[in-house]
């Protein structure tokens, strides 16, 4: 599947689209199909480790 990975803070243009393995839900999890998604401007300003 394709995913946008935050490798550095910045605008959405710095979020590369990469191929990653399909997710596998755990025993109590569910898998939700997403047909389309888009980054928001603030999404690029979050550091890769998620700390703000």
N, C-alpha and C. Protein backbone atom coordinates (compact mmCIF):
# COMPACT_ATOMS: atom_id res chain seq x y z
N UNK A 1 0.84 -1.16 0.00
CA UNK A 1 0.00 0.00 0.00
C UNK A 1 0.89 1.23 0.00
N UNK A 2 0.34 2.35 -0.40
CA UNK A 2 1.09 3.60 -0.41
C UNK A 2 0.79 4.38 0.88
N UNK A 3 1.81 5.05 1.40
CA UNK A 3 1.65 5.84 2.62
C UNK A 3 2.54 7.08 2.52
N UNK A 4 2.14 8.13 3.21
CA UNK A 4 2.97 9.33 3.32
C UNK A 4 3.68 9.26 4.67
N UNK A 5 4.99 9.29 4.65
CA UNK A 5 5.80 9.12 5.86
C UNK A 5 6.45 10.45 6.23
N UNK A 6 6.26 10.89 7.49
CA UNK A 6 6.88 12.13 7.96
C UNK A 6 8.32 11.83 8.36
N UNK A 7 9.26 12.26 7.53
CA UNK A 7 10.68 12.07 7.83
C UNK A 7 11.32 13.35 8.34
N UNK A 8 10.65 14.48 8.12
CA UNK A 8 11.14 15.78 8.59
C UNK A 8 9.96 16.72 8.68
N UNK A 9 10.02 17.72 9.57
CA UNK A 9 8.93 18.69 9.64
C UNK A 9 8.93 19.58 8.41
N UNK A 10 7.77 20.07 8.05
CA UNK A 10 7.67 20.96 6.90
C UNK A 10 6.30 20.87 6.27
N UNK A 11 6.13 21.50 5.12
CA UNK A 11 4.83 21.49 4.43
C UNK A 11 4.54 20.10 3.85
N UNK A 12 3.31 19.87 3.42
CA UNK A 12 2.95 18.55 2.87
C UNK A 12 3.86 18.10 1.72
N UNK A 13 4.49 19.03 1.04
CA UNK A 13 5.36 18.67 -0.08
C UNK A 13 6.57 17.84 0.37
N UNK A 14 6.96 17.90 1.67
CA UNK A 14 8.11 17.12 2.14
C UNK A 14 7.72 15.72 2.60
N UNK A 15 6.44 15.38 2.51
CA UNK A 15 5.97 14.04 2.90
C UNK A 15 6.03 13.12 1.69
N UNK A 16 7.04 12.26 1.60
CA UNK A 16 7.15 11.39 0.44
C UNK A 16 6.10 10.28 0.47
N UNK A 17 5.64 9.89 -0.69
CA UNK A 17 4.74 8.75 -0.82
C UNK A 17 5.61 7.52 -1.03
N UNK A 18 5.48 6.53 -0.14
CA UNK A 18 6.30 5.32 -0.21
C UNK A 18 5.41 4.08 -0.14
N UNK A 19 5.94 2.97 -0.60
CA UNK A 19 5.25 1.69 -0.50
C UNK A 19 5.60 1.06 0.85
N UNK A 20 4.60 0.62 1.58
CA UNK A 20 4.80 -0.06 2.86
C UNK A 20 3.97 -1.34 2.87
N UNK A 21 4.31 -2.30 3.72
CA UNK A 21 3.52 -3.54 3.79
C UNK A 21 2.08 -3.25 4.24
N UNK A 22 1.15 -4.03 3.75
CA UNK A 22 -0.24 -3.90 4.21
C UNK A 22 -0.31 -4.16 5.71
N UNK A 23 -1.10 -3.36 6.44
CA UNK A 23 -1.21 -3.57 7.88
C UNK A 23 -1.94 -4.86 8.20
N UNK A 24 -1.61 -5.45 9.34
CA UNK A 24 -2.26 -6.67 9.79
C UNK A 24 -2.81 -6.40 11.18
N UNK A 25 -4.12 -6.41 11.34
CA UNK A 25 -4.69 -6.14 12.67
C UNK A 25 -4.37 -7.26 13.65
N UNK A 26 -4.28 -6.89 14.92
CA UNK A 26 -4.07 -7.87 15.97
C UNK A 26 -5.33 -8.65 16.24
N UNK A 27 -5.33 -9.54 17.23
CA UNK A 27 -6.49 -10.39 17.51
C UNK A 27 -7.74 -9.60 17.89
N UNK A 28 -7.58 -8.44 18.50
CA UNK A 28 -8.74 -7.63 18.87
C UNK A 28 -8.90 -6.40 17.99
N UNK A 29 -8.15 -6.33 16.89
CA UNK A 29 -8.17 -5.16 16.02
C UNK A 29 -9.07 -5.34 14.82
N UNK A 30 -9.25 -4.26 14.11
CA UNK A 30 -10.01 -4.27 12.86
C UNK A 30 -9.18 -3.57 11.79
N UNK A 31 -9.43 -3.89 10.54
CA UNK A 31 -8.76 -3.25 9.43
C UNK A 31 -9.81 -2.45 8.67
N UNK A 32 -9.57 -1.15 8.51
CA UNK A 32 -10.52 -0.26 7.84
C UNK A 32 -9.95 0.13 6.50
N UNK A 33 -10.70 -0.06 5.43
CA UNK A 33 -10.26 0.33 4.09
C UNK A 33 -10.49 1.83 3.91
N UNK A 34 -9.46 2.54 3.46
CA UNK A 34 -9.55 3.97 3.21
C UNK A 34 -9.38 4.18 1.71
N UNK A 35 -10.37 4.77 1.07
CA UNK A 35 -10.32 4.98 -0.37
C UNK A 35 -9.47 6.19 -0.75
N UNK A 36 -9.48 7.22 0.08
CA UNK A 36 -8.72 8.43 -0.21
C UNK A 36 -8.45 9.19 1.07
N UNK A 37 -7.32 9.88 1.11
CA UNK A 37 -6.97 10.72 2.25
C UNK A 37 -6.06 11.83 1.75
N UNK A 38 -5.97 12.91 2.49
CA UNK A 38 -5.12 14.03 2.09
C UNK A 38 -4.48 14.64 3.32
N UNK A 39 -3.23 15.08 3.20
CA UNK A 39 -2.58 15.75 4.34
C UNK A 39 -3.14 17.15 4.52
N UNK A 40 -3.15 17.60 5.76
CA UNK A 40 -3.51 18.98 6.06
C UNK A 40 -2.22 19.74 6.28
N UNK A 41 -2.25 21.03 6.16
CA UNK A 41 -1.05 21.84 6.33
C UNK A 41 -0.35 21.58 7.67
N UNK A 42 -1.07 21.50 8.81
CA UNK A 42 -0.39 21.24 10.09
C UNK A 42 0.25 19.85 10.17
N UNK A 43 -0.18 18.90 9.35
CA UNK A 43 0.37 17.55 9.41
C UNK A 43 1.87 17.53 9.15
N UNK A 44 2.36 18.39 8.30
CA UNK A 44 3.77 18.41 7.99
C UNK A 44 4.62 19.03 9.08
N UNK A 45 4.01 19.71 10.04
CA UNK A 45 4.79 20.37 11.09
C UNK A 45 5.01 19.48 12.31
N UNK A 46 4.45 18.27 12.31
CA UNK A 46 4.64 17.34 13.42
C UNK A 46 5.94 16.58 13.19
N UNK A 47 6.84 16.57 14.18
CA UNK A 47 8.11 15.85 14.01
C UNK A 47 7.87 14.35 13.82
N UNK A 48 8.81 13.64 13.18
CA UNK A 48 8.62 12.22 12.91
C UNK A 48 8.37 11.37 14.15
N UNK A 49 8.90 11.76 15.31
CA UNK A 49 8.69 10.94 16.51
C UNK A 49 7.38 11.27 17.20
N UNK A 50 6.58 12.20 16.64
CA UNK A 50 5.27 12.52 17.19
C UNK A 50 5.29 13.51 18.34
N UNK A 51 6.47 13.86 18.85
CA UNK A 51 6.54 14.82 19.96
C UNK A 51 6.35 16.23 19.42
N UNK A 52 5.53 16.99 20.09
CA UNK A 52 5.29 18.36 19.64
C UNK A 52 6.00 19.35 20.53
